[in-house]
């Protein structure tokens, strides 16, 4: 009996992995064989044993079971609305000969995908439906997919829009920025007080005016969304100060438009303003078109000649061959040009004098005018200038050309990739008669060295140094003896005068 009990105790030992023992497992396996009674019990024993072990195995964990935090179901419920047709009352309103409001994004993105850059097929189709939803929210003349900016938690899908004539948004109220005038005029009760503390004579420079819609960096309106199907959010106009500071900082996007931008120099605005400033810079440097697609308006004045251009008539524009579109390193004129205005150092496309002459300033003060420093107007590349004039990037050309396909060059397109803004691409196909620009990246310019914030400016002087306030040096021993001798002579001469 001792041997049987010892053997049974051995079979009752539980496994450290599954938690079951061999005695109960054999009993369950034999009970299953007797219930099912297969034809060949010997051959079925291993399979029945495995199935019994799998049924009795239960995973144990100390983690608390929580609901699935995934939001894919909620997102799918929102996106399914894009696939439903609400009505076709506006289907026949558009003229067949008129230019479509939204470009054929599916066709264009197929060329980008063939070239190794672009969105996936499913993402492209959802994005095209999202642009249709944006079209229904207002009266737009043109809508195009600008690009996608990656964020830490969410990504930004960006659409570039142009309103129809008469539906332009109203200009925001101008900000004076003269908040320090009231403090300068308020002298208080200390007028004429000798012990009154000195006041600073420094005045903050007035902010440069923001360019209106349809001009410069604010030529278009941009809408963003974090996922196709979610509501579109309109980005505000960009100011020159925001563009200037955005060039000096480097921040990763979070996906929250209301997130603060903590950096040095301080950025005036939230992430939506920083995103808008980066869009303006990327568009000014990377939005290009085939040479000859746009021409200057002959009827425009000389002043407007550098900012106003029109599309060449389709019948007159013959297009450009693939060889010319690919020939970006030749000494002659290449096949691409910039059709977006260059942003100057002051953050505007059209230069304005930062120190305008006051209205009440006397014109007769010629001396003061001579002493005042003249501000040299900033200049930049003109519109429709060749991309050959773009500066190099670490000794390499600013653009890298490639074809969308090497297998079928007859129907392949040409893609120009920017080396200054990685992720910016320009596509041209059908001899340049159709083109598109797109950006997919983190929204940062290429840098060969790691980013380091700029140093703070030197400390300002608290007050002007006056000679009367300077501390004199201590007299020497010889000067002290001479002074004592002079004092003794003066006292002796005074006693003689009193005796007289």
Protein backbone atom coordinates (compact mmCIF):
# COMPACT_ATOMS: atom_id res chain seq x y z
CA UNK A 1 0.00 0.00 0.00
CA UNK A 2 2.90 2.31 0.68
CA UNK A 3 4.09 1.97 -2.94
CA UNK A 4 0.61 2.72 -4.32
CA UNK A 5 0.21 5.80 -2.12
CA UNK A 6 3.68 6.97 -3.07
CA UNK A 7 2.87 6.57 -6.79
CA UNK A 8 -0.48 8.33 -6.40
CA UNK A 9 1.19 11.20 -4.55
CA UNK A 10 3.66 11.50 -7.42
CA UNK A 11 0.84 11.64 -10.00
CA UNK A 12 -1.01 14.29 -7.96
CA UNK A 13 1.90 16.78 -8.21
CA UNK A 14 0.64 19.90 -10.04
CA UNK A 15 2.53 21.33 -12.99
CA UNK A 16 4.26 24.69 -12.49
CA UNK A 17 3.09 25.91 -15.93
CA UNK A 18 -0.48 24.69 -16.38
CA UNK A 19 -1.43 24.07 -12.75
CA UNK A 20 -2.99 20.62 -13.41
CA UNK A 21 -1.72 17.18 -12.27
CA UNK A 22 -1.24 13.98 -14.23
CA UNK A 23 -3.69 11.93 -12.15
CA UNK A 24 -6.67 14.17 -12.91
CA UNK A 25 -5.54 14.59 -16.52
CA UNK A 26 -5.44 10.80 -17.09
CA UNK A 27 -8.83 10.40 -15.43
CA UNK A 28 -10.35 13.10 -17.64
CA UNK A 29 -8.74 11.62 -20.77
CA UNK A 30 -10.03 8.11 -20.03
CA UNK A 31 -13.49 9.48 -19.24
CA UNK A 32 -13.54 11.31 -22.57
CA UNK A 33 -12.49 8.15 -24.46
CA UNK A 34 -15.23 6.13 -22.78
CA UNK A 35 -17.83 8.79 -23.62
CA UNK A 36 -16.83 9.28 -27.26
CA UNK A 37 -15.61 5.67 -27.91
CA UNK A 38 -13.56 6.34 -31.07
CA UNK A 39 -12.79 3.47 -33.45
CA UNK A 40 -9.07 3.39 -32.67
CA UNK A 41 -8.56 4.43 -29.05
CA UNK A 42 -4.77 4.00 -29.15
CA UNK A 43 -4.30 6.39 -32.09
CA UNK A 44 -6.78 8.88 -30.66
CA UNK A 45 -5.28 8.95 -27.17
CA UNK A 46 -2.71 11.69 -27.89
CA UNK A 47 -5.23 13.94 -29.64
CA UNK A 48 -7.80 13.52 -26.86
CA UNK A 49 -5.11 14.22 -24.25
CA UNK A 50 -4.09 17.42 -26.02
CA UNK A 51 -7.69 18.58 -26.32
CA UNK A 52 -8.40 17.88 -22.64
CA UNK A 53 -5.31 19.80 -21.62
CA UNK A 54 -6.28 22.76 -23.82
CA UNK A 55 -9.82 22.85 -22.39
CA UNK A 56 -8.64 22.74 -18.79
CA UNK A 57 -5.89 25.33 -19.21
CA UNK A 58 -6.76 28.77 -17.80
CA UNK A 59 -4.38 31.69 -17.95
CA UNK A 60 -3.99 33.37 -14.57
CA UNK A 61 -2.88 36.98 -14.24
CA UNK A 62 -2.83 39.63 -11.56
CA UNK A 63 -3.66 42.38 -14.04
CA UNK A 64 -7.08 43.93 -13.73
CA UNK A 65 -9.22 43.38 -16.81
CA UNK A 66 -10.14 46.67 -18.46
CA UNK A 67 -12.21 47.60 -21.43
CA UNK A 68 -10.50 47.89 -24.80
CA UNK A 69 -9.21 51.49 -25.04
CA UNK A 70 -9.08 51.36 -28.83
CA UNK A 71 -11.08 54.02 -30.62
CA UNK A 72 -11.19 52.21 -33.94
CA UNK A 73 -14.87 51.35 -33.51
CA UNK A 74 -15.81 54.96 -32.81
CA UNK A 75 -13.71 56.14 -35.74
CA UNK A 76 -15.31 53.59 -38.04
CA UNK A 77 -18.77 54.81 -37.06
CA UNK A 78 -17.74 58.32 -38.05
CA UNK A 79 -16.05 57.34 -41.29
CA UNK A 80 -18.93 55.19 -42.47
CA UNK A 81 -20.92 58.37 -42.99
CA UNK A 82 -18.54 59.37 -45.79
CA UNK A 83 -19.62 56.38 -47.87
CA UNK A 84 -23.31 57.26 -47.78
CA UNK A 85 -24.76 59.31 -50.61
CA UNK A 86 -27.01 62.00 -49.17
CA UNK A 87 -28.26 63.31 -52.51
CA UNK A 88 -27.35 64.19 -56.05
CA UNK A 89 -29.05 67.54 -56.32
CA UNK A 90 -25.72 69.28 -57.04
CA UNK A 91 -24.48 66.65 -59.48
CA UNK A 92 -25.62 68.47 -62.63
CA UNK A 93 -24.86 72.01 -61.52
CA UNK A 94 -21.15 71.91 -62.44
CA UNK A 95 -20.16 72.67 -65.99
CA UNK A 96 -18.38 69.83 -67.72
CA UNK A 97 -15.86 72.20 -69.33
CA UNK A 98 -15.14 74.04 -66.08
CA UNK A 99 -12.12 73.09 -64.02
CA UNK A 100 -13.10 70.74 -61.17
CA UNK A 101 -12.95 72.07 -57.65
CA UNK A 102 -11.11 69.01 -56.35
CA UNK A 103 -8.33 67.38 -58.35
CA UNK A 104 -8.36 63.67 -59.12
CA UNK A 105 -6.53 62.68 -55.96
CA UNK A 106 -6.74 58.94 -56.60
CA UNK A 107 -5.02 59.24 -59.99
CA UNK A 108 -2.35 61.63 -58.76
CA UNK A 109 -1.60 59.60 -55.64
CA UNK A 110 -1.13 56.48 -57.76
CA UNK A 111 1.79 58.23 -59.49
CA UNK A 112 3.22 59.23 -56.11
CA UNK A 113 2.90 55.65 -54.85
CA UNK A 114 4.70 54.36 -57.94
CA UNK A 115 7.53 56.76 -57.13
CA UNK A 116 7.78 55.52 -53.54
CA UNK A 117 6.12 58.47 -51.83
CA UNK A 118 2.47 58.96 -51.05
CA UNK A 119 -0.48 57.64 -49.10
CA UNK A 120 -1.81 54.10 -49.29
CA UNK A 121 -4.74 53.20 -51.51
CA UNK A 122 -7.26 52.95 -48.65
CA UNK A 123 -5.99 56.13 -46.99
CA UNK A 124 -6.12 57.97 -50.32
CA UNK A 125 -9.72 56.93 -50.94
CA UNK A 126 -10.81 57.99 -47.45
CA UNK A 127 -8.99 61.31 -47.88
CA UNK A 128 -10.73 61.97 -51.19
CA UNK A 129 -14.10 61.42 -49.48
CA UNK A 130 -13.05 63.76 -46.66
CA UNK A 131 -12.29 66.48 -49.22
CA UNK A 132 -15.80 66.05 -50.58
CA UNK A 133 -17.13 66.68 -47.08
CA UNK A 134 -15.01 69.83 -46.84
CA UNK A 135 -16.39 71.03 -50.15
CA UNK A 136 -19.92 70.86 -48.76
CA UNK A 137 -19.06 73.16 -45.83
CA UNK A 138 -18.46 76.32 -47.92
CA UNK A 139 -18.13 77.91 -51.33
CA UNK A 140 -14.66 77.07 -52.62
CA UNK A 141 -13.03 77.73 -55.95
CA UNK A 142 -10.24 75.19 -55.51
CA UNK A 143 -9.45 72.45 -52.99
CA UNK A 144 -6.37 70.28 -53.02
CA UNK A 145 -4.68 67.86 -50.64
CA UNK A 146 -1.67 69.77 -49.32
CA UNK A 147 -0.06 67.00 -47.29
CA UNK A 148 0.24 65.12 -44.04
CA UNK A 149 2.29 66.15 -40.99
CA UNK A 150 3.21 63.50 -38.45
CA UNK A 151 2.64 64.12 -34.74
CA UNK A 152 3.54 62.36 -31.52
CA UNK A 153 -0.02 61.28 -30.73
CA UNK A 154 -2.04 62.25 -33.82
CA UNK A 155 -1.28 63.26 -37.38
CA UNK A 156 -2.52 66.26 -39.35
CA UNK A 157 -4.18 65.96 -42.75
CA UNK A 158 -4.04 69.36 -44.43
CA UNK A 159 -6.19 70.73 -47.25
CA UNK A 160 -5.42 73.93 -49.18
CA UNK A 161 -8.49 75.91 -50.21
CA UNK A 162 -9.31 79.04 -52.20
CA UNK A 163 -12.69 80.70 -51.75
CA UNK A 164 -14.83 81.81 -54.63
CA UNK A 165 -15.01 85.53 -55.38
CA UNK A 166 -17.28 87.29 -52.94
CA UNK A 167 -17.05 84.54 -50.31
CA UNK A 168 -13.66 85.51 -48.91
CA UNK A 169 -13.33 85.57 -45.11
CA UNK A 170 -13.32 88.93 -43.40
CA UNK A 171 -9.97 90.33 -42.34
CA UNK A 172 -9.27 90.11 -38.59
CA UNK A 173 -9.16 93.24 -36.50
CA UNK A 174 -5.78 94.95 -36.58
CA UNK A 175 -3.79 94.83 -33.40
CA UNK A 176 -2.14 98.08 -32.46
CA UNK A 177 0.35 96.59 -30.04
CA UNK A 178 0.88 99.95 -28.27
CA UNK A 179 0.24 98.64 -24.79
CA UNK A 180 3.09 100.63 -23.23
CA UNK A 181 1.86 104.14 -24.07
CA UNK A 182 -0.44 104.41 -21.08
CA UNK A 183 2.30 103.54 -18.59
CA UNK A 184 4.67 106.06 -20.15
CA UNK A 185 2.18 108.94 -19.80
CA UNK A 186 1.16 108.13 -16.24
CA UNK A 187 3.69 110.03 -14.11
CA UNK A 188 1.68 109.77 -10.89
CA UNK A 189 2.34 111.99 -7.91
CA UNK A 190 6.10 111.95 -8.31
CA UNK A 191 6.41 114.83 -10.76
CA UNK A 192 9.45 116.93 -9.96
CA UNK A 193 10.62 114.58 -7.23
CA UNK A 194 14.39 114.49 -7.07
CA UNK A 195 14.41 110.90 -5.76
CA UNK A 196 12.18 109.62 -8.54
CA UNK A 197 13.50 106.43 -10.12
CA UNK A 198 14.61 106.65 -13.76
CA UNK A 199 12.23 105.30 -16.37
CA UNK A 200 13.15 103.27 -19.37
CA UNK A 201 13.04 105.11 -22.67
CA UNK A 202 12.86 101.86 -24.69
CA UNK A 203 9.71 101.29 -26.66
CA UNK A 204 8.71 97.97 -28.16
CA UNK A 205 8.69 98.03 -31.97
CA UNK A 206 5.28 97.90 -33.57
CA UNK A 207 4.42 94.50 -35.05
CA UNK A 208 4.45 94.25 -38.80
CA UNK A 209 1.00 94.13 -40.43
CA UNK A 210 -0.39 90.70 -41.24
CA UNK A 211 -0.87 90.00 -44.93
CA UNK A 212 -4.48 89.80 -45.96
CA UNK A 213 -6.16 86.77 -47.46
CA UNK A 214 -5.18 86.22 -51.07
CA UNK A 215 -1.74 87.80 -50.78
CA UNK A 216 1.68 86.59 -49.71
CA UNK A 217 1.86 83.89 -47.07
CA UNK A 218 -1.93 84.08 -46.56
CA UNK A 219 -2.86 83.52 -50.18
CA UNK A 220 -4.80 80.35 -49.30
CA UNK A 221 -6.83 79.06 -46.38
CA UNK A 222 -5.83 75.77 -44.79
CA UNK A 223 -8.03 73.23 -43.03
CA UNK A 224 -6.74 70.33 -40.94
CA UNK A 225 -8.16 67.15 -39.44
CA UNK A 226 -6.57 64.33 -37.47
CA UNK A 227 -8.42 61.53 -39.31
CA UNK A 228 -10.44 61.43 -42.55
CA UNK A 229 -14.07 61.83 -41.57
CA UNK A 230 -13.48 63.93 -38.47
CA UNK A 231 -14.46 67.63 -38.52
CA UNK A 232 -12.19 70.03 -40.41
CA UNK A 233 -10.64 72.91 -38.46
CA UNK A 234 -9.65 76.15 -40.20
CA UNK A 235 -6.20 77.46 -39.36
CA UNK A 236 -5.76 81.19 -38.67
CA UNK A 237 -3.68 83.58 -40.75
CA UNK A 238 0.04 83.57 -40.09
CA UNK A 239 1.78 86.70 -38.85
CA UNK A 240 5.31 87.84 -39.75
CA UNK A 241 6.46 87.44 -36.14
CA UNK A 242 5.30 83.81 -36.07
CA UNK A 243 7.20 82.99 -39.25
CA UNK A 244 10.35 84.69 -37.94
CA UNK A 245 10.32 82.78 -34.66
CA UNK A 246 9.33 79.48 -36.30
CA UNK A 247 12.55 79.62 -38.31
CA UNK A 248 14.59 79.68 -35.10
CA UNK A 249 12.87 76.87 -33.17
CA UNK A 250 12.30 73.18 -33.80
CA UNK A 251 9.40 71.43 -32.11
CA UNK A 252 7.69 68.12 -32.76
CA UNK A 253 3.95 68.30 -33.28
CA UNK A 254 1.70 66.57 -30.76
CA UNK A 255 -1.55 66.41 -32.72
CA UNK A 256 -3.35 68.88 -30.42
CA UNK A 257 -3.95 72.28 -32.03
CA UNK A 258 -4.40 73.95 -28.64
CA UNK A 259 -1.12 72.64 -27.21
CA UNK A 260 1.33 75.37 -26.10
CA UNK A 261 4.64 75.82 -27.92
CA UNK A 262 7.33 76.12 -25.26
CA UNK A 263 10.57 77.17 -26.89
CA UNK A 264 13.15 79.92 -27.05
CA UNK A 265 12.74 82.44 -28.56
CA UNK A 266 9.17 82.56 -27.21
CA UNK A 267 6.55 81.71 -29.83
CA UNK A 268 3.41 83.83 -29.83
CA UNK A 269 0.64 81.29 -30.30
CA UNK A 270 -0.30 77.65 -29.92
CA UNK A 271 0.43 74.62 -32.07
CA UNK A 272 -2.10 75.65 -34.69
CA UNK A 273 -0.14 78.86 -35.27
CA UNK A 274 3.15 76.98 -35.39
CA UNK A 275 1.67 74.50 -37.87
CA UNK A 276 0.43 77.37 -40.02
CA UNK A 277 3.88 78.99 -39.98
CA UNK A 278 5.54 75.74 -41.09
CA UNK A 279 2.99 75.33 -43.89
CA UNK A 280 3.83 78.82 -45.14
CA UNK A 281 7.56 78.09 -45.19
CA UNK A 282 7.21 74.72 -46.88
CA UNK A 283 4.87 76.11 -49.53
CA UNK A 284 7.16 79.04 -50.30
CA UNK A 285 10.19 76.78 -50.80
CA UNK A 286 8.77 73.62 -52.38
CA UNK A 287 5.60 74.44 -54.37
CA UNK A 288 6.80 74.33 -57.98
CA UNK A 289 5.26 73.83 -61.43
CA UNK A 290 6.50 72.95 -64.94
CA UNK A 291 8.09 75.83 -66.79
CA UNK A 292 5.58 77.66 -68.98
CA UNK A 293 2.48 76.36 -67.21
CA UNK A 294 2.00 79.81 -65.64
CA UNK A 295 2.76 83.15 -67.30
CA UNK A 296 2.63 86.73 -66.10
CA UNK A 297 -0.50 88.69 -66.80
CA UNK A 298 0.25 91.18 -69.58
CA UNK A 299 -2.60 93.46 -68.52
CA UNK A 300 -1.28 93.82 -64.95
CA UNK A 301 0.62 96.92 -63.87
CA UNK A 302 4.35 96.92 -63.34
CA UNK A 303 3.95 96.83 -59.57
CA UNK A 304 1.68 93.80 -59.73
CA UNK A 305 3.72 91.99 -62.35
CA UNK A 306 5.81 90.16 -59.77
CA UNK A 307 2.82 88.84 -57.81
CA UNK A 308 0.09 88.23 -60.40
CA UNK A 309 0.30 85.38 -62.89
CA UNK A 310 -2.22 83.44 -64.93
CA UNK A 311 -2.37 79.95 -66.33
CA UNK A 312 -1.29 79.54 -69.91
CA UNK A 313 -4.12 78.59 -72.28
CA UNK A 314 -4.35 74.80 -72.58
CA UNK A 315 -4.31 75.03 -76.37
CA UNK A 316 -1.09 77.06 -76.42
CA UNK A 317 0.81 75.14 -73.74
CA UNK A 318 2.53 72.25 -75.48
CA UNK A 319 4.03 70.82 -72.31
CA UNK A 320 7.58 69.70 -71.67
CA UNK A 321 9.31 66.48 -72.44
CA UNK A 322 10.43 64.11 -69.74
CA UNK A 323 14.05 64.86 -70.52
CA UNK A 324 13.60 68.56 -69.75
CA UNK A 325 11.65 67.82 -66.59
CA UNK A 326 14.40 65.47 -65.42
CA UNK A 327 17.24 67.79 -66.48
CA UNK A 328 17.57 69.67 -63.18
CA UNK A 329 21.37 69.84 -63.13
CA UNK A 330 22.01 71.39 -66.52
CA UNK A 331 23.44 74.85 -67.01
CA UNK A 332 20.50 75.96 -69.14
CA UNK A 333 16.95 76.61 -68.02
CA UNK A 334 15.37 73.55 -66.47
CA UNK A 335 11.74 72.49 -66.61
CA UNK A 336 10.54 73.65 -63.17
CA UNK A 337 9.89 77.03 -61.55
CA UNK A 338 8.48 78.48 -58.32
CA UNK A 339 4.95 79.85 -58.53
CA UNK A 340 4.69 80.74 -54.83
CA UNK A 341 6.13 83.96 -53.45
CA UNK A 342 9.35 83.89 -51.45
CA UNK A 343 9.07 84.79 -47.74
CA UNK A 344 11.53 87.51 -46.75
CA UNK A 345 13.52 87.67 -43.54
CA UNK A 346 10.88 89.87 -41.90
CA UNK A 347 8.28 87.13 -42.35
CA UNK A 348 6.32 88.73 -45.21
CA UNK A 349 6.32 88.21 -48.95
CA UNK A 350 5.92 91.93 -49.68
CA UNK A 351 8.41 94.10 -47.82
CA UNK A 352 7.19 96.93 -45.57
CA UNK A 353 9.24 99.51 -43.72
CA UNK A 354 9.43 98.44 -40.05
CA UNK A 355 10.09 102.05 -38.98
CA UNK A 356 7.61 104.16 -40.92
CA UNK A 357 7.82 107.92 -40.71
CA UNK A 358 5.32 109.43 -38.29
CA UNK A 359 2.66 111.75 -39.65
CA UNK A 360 3.41 114.56 -37.18
CA UNK A 361 7.14 114.50 -37.90
CA UNK A 362 8.42 117.78 -39.26
CA UNK A 363 9.76 117.62 -42.76
CA UNK A 364 12.17 120.51 -42.17
CA UNK A 365 14.40 118.56 -39.81
CA UNK A 366 16.92 117.58 -42.44
CA UNK A 367 19.66 117.00 -39.89
CA UNK A 368 17.64 114.36 -38.10
CA UNK A 369 16.86 112.65 -41.37
CA UNK A 370 20.55 112.48 -42.23
CA UNK A 371 21.39 111.00 -38.85
CA UNK A 372 18.62 108.40 -39.05
CA UNK A 373 19.67 105.10 -40.56
CA UNK A 374 18.00 104.21 -43.81
CA UNK A 375 16.40 100.77 -43.88
CA UNK A 376 17.39 98.79 -46.95
CA UNK A 377 14.39 96.98 -48.46
CA UNK A 378 14.67 93.20 -48.52
CA UNK A 379 14.53 91.40 -51.83
CA UNK A 380 14.14 87.77 -52.80
CA UNK A 381 13.74 85.52 -55.84
CA UNK A 382 11.02 86.66 -58.19
CA UNK A 383 7.98 84.66 -59.10
CA UNK A 384 8.29 81.94 -61.75
CA UNK A 385 12.03 81.81 -61.15
CA UNK A 386 13.83 78.60 -62.03
CA UNK A 387 14.62 76.09 -59.31
CA UNK A 388 18.20 76.22 -60.58
CA UNK A 389 18.64 79.36 -58.47
CA UNK A 390 17.83 77.51 -55.23
CA UNK A 391 20.87 77.30 -52.94
CA UNK A 392 22.48 73.93 -52.44
CA UNK A 393 21.93 71.76 -49.36
CA UNK A 394 25.27 70.71 -47.85
CA UNK A 395 26.89 70.72 -51.27
CA UNK A 396 24.09 68.75 -52.94
CA UNK A 397 21.43 70.05 -55.34
CA UNK A 398 18.24 71.35 -53.77
CA UNK A 399 16.10 68.94 -55.85
CA UNK A 400 16.45 65.29 -56.83
CA UNK A 401 14.54 64.09 -59.94
CA UNK A 402 13.27 60.58 -60.56
CA UNK A 403 10.65 58.80 -62.64
CA UNK A 404 7.59 57.15 -61.18
CA UNK A 405 8.30 53.87 -62.93
CA UNK A 406 11.24 52.27 -64.67
CA UNK A 407 9.18 49.50 -66.24
CA UNK A 408 6.99 51.66 -68.48
CA UNK A 409 8.79 54.91 -69.21
CA UNK A 410 6.34 55.87 -71.92
CA UNK A 411 3.57 56.59 -69.42
CA UNK A 412 5.74 57.33 -66.40
CA UNK A 413 5.69 60.67 -64.63
CA UNK A 414 8.46 62.78 -63.12
CA UNK A 415 8.81 63.44 -59.39
CA UNK A 416 11.03 66.18 -57.96
CA UNK A 417 11.96 65.61 -54.31
CA UNK A 418 13.17 68.48 -52.15
CA UNK A 419 16.38 67.98 -50.20
CA UNK A 420 15.82 71.10 -48.10
CA UNK A 421 12.41 69.96 -46.82
CA UNK A 422 12.46 66.14 -46.73
CA UNK A 423 9.00 64.87 -47.61
CA UNK A 424 8.12 67.59 -50.15
CA UNK A 425 7.54 66.24 -53.67
CA UNK A 426 6.29 67.63 -56.97
CA UNK A 427 4.70 65.42 -59.63
CA UNK A 428 4.27 66.10 -63.37
CA UNK A 429 2.80 63.74 -65.93
CA UNK A 430 1.37 63.91 -69.44
CA UNK A 431 4.23 66.23 -70.56
CA UNK A 432 3.73 68.52 -67.59
CA UNK A 433 0.12 69.38 -68.42
CA UNK A 434 -0.90 67.90 -65.08
CA UNK A 435 1.12 68.45 -61.93
CA UNK A 436 0.66 68.33 -58.18
CA UNK A 437 2.63 69.19 -55.04
CA UNK A 438 2.49 67.21 -51.81
CA UNK A 439 4.26 67.10 -48.46
CA UNK A 440 4.43 64.13 -46.06
CA UNK A 441 6.82 64.57 -43.16
CA UNK A 442 7.42 65.97 -39.70
CA UNK A 443 7.37 69.61 -40.81
CA UNK A 444 11.07 70.30 -40.24
CA UNK A 445 13.83 71.52 -42.51
CA UNK A 446 16.87 69.39 -43.17
CA UNK A 447 19.78 70.04 -40.79
CA UNK A 448 23.15 68.31 -40.90
CA UNK A 449 23.90 69.25 -37.29
CA UNK A 450 21.75 68.56 -34.20
CA UNK A 451 19.51 71.43 -33.25
CA UNK A 452 20.58 73.69 -30.40
CA UNK A 453 18.51 76.69 -29.27
CA UNK A 454 20.06 80.12 -29.82
CA UNK A 455 21.79 81.88 -26.95
CA UNK A 456 19.92 84.66 -25.16
CA UNK A 457 20.92 88.22 -26.07
CA UNK A 458 23.44 90.08 -23.88
CA UNK A 459 22.09 91.88 -20.85
CA UNK A 460 21.06 95.47 -21.46
CA UNK A 461 22.64 98.37 -19.63
CA UNK A 462 20.50 99.64 -16.78
CA UNK A 463 21.40 103.30 -17.28
CA UNK A 464 23.82 105.47 -19.18
CA UNK A 465 27.17 106.01 -17.47
CA UNK A 466 27.67 109.71 -16.59
CA UNK A 467 31.09 111.21 -15.79
CA UNK A 468 29.67 113.13 -12.82
CA UNK A 469 28.54 109.86 -11.26
CA UNK A 470 31.95 108.21 -11.57
CA UNK A 471 33.78 107.50 -8.33
CA UNK A 472 37.15 109.32 -8.08
CA UNK A 473 40.35 107.47 -7.30
CA UNK A 474 41.98 107.75 -3.87
CA UNK A 475 44.79 110.39 -3.57
CA UNK A 476 48.37 109.29 -3.22
CA UNK A 477 50.54 109.98 -0.13
CA UNK A 478 52.34 112.85 -1.87
CA UNK A 479 49.02 114.49 -2.77
CA UNK A 480 47.89 114.21 0.87
CA UNK A 481 51.11 115.85 2.17
CA UNK A 482 50.82 118.65 -0.39
CA UNK A 483 47.19 119.23 0.60
CA UNK A 484 48.11 119.40 4.32
CA UNK A 485 50.90 121.87 3.58
CA UNK A 486 48.54 124.07 1.60
CA UNK A 487 46.02 124.00 4.44
CA UNK A 488 48.74 124.95 7.00
CA UNK A 489 49.86 127.92 4.91
CA UNK A 490 46.28 129.07 4.58
CA UNK A 491 45.73 128.97 8.34
CA UNK A 492 48.98 130.93 8.99
CA UNK A 493 48.06 133.70 6.59
CA UNK A 494 44.65 133.96 8.24
CA UNK A 495 46.16 134.57 11.75
CA UNK A 496 48.36 137.38 10.46
CA UNK A 497 45.36 139.10 8.89
CA UNK A 498 43.47 138.95 12.21
CA UNK A 499 46.44 140.60 14.09
CA UNK A 500 46.59 143.37 11.53
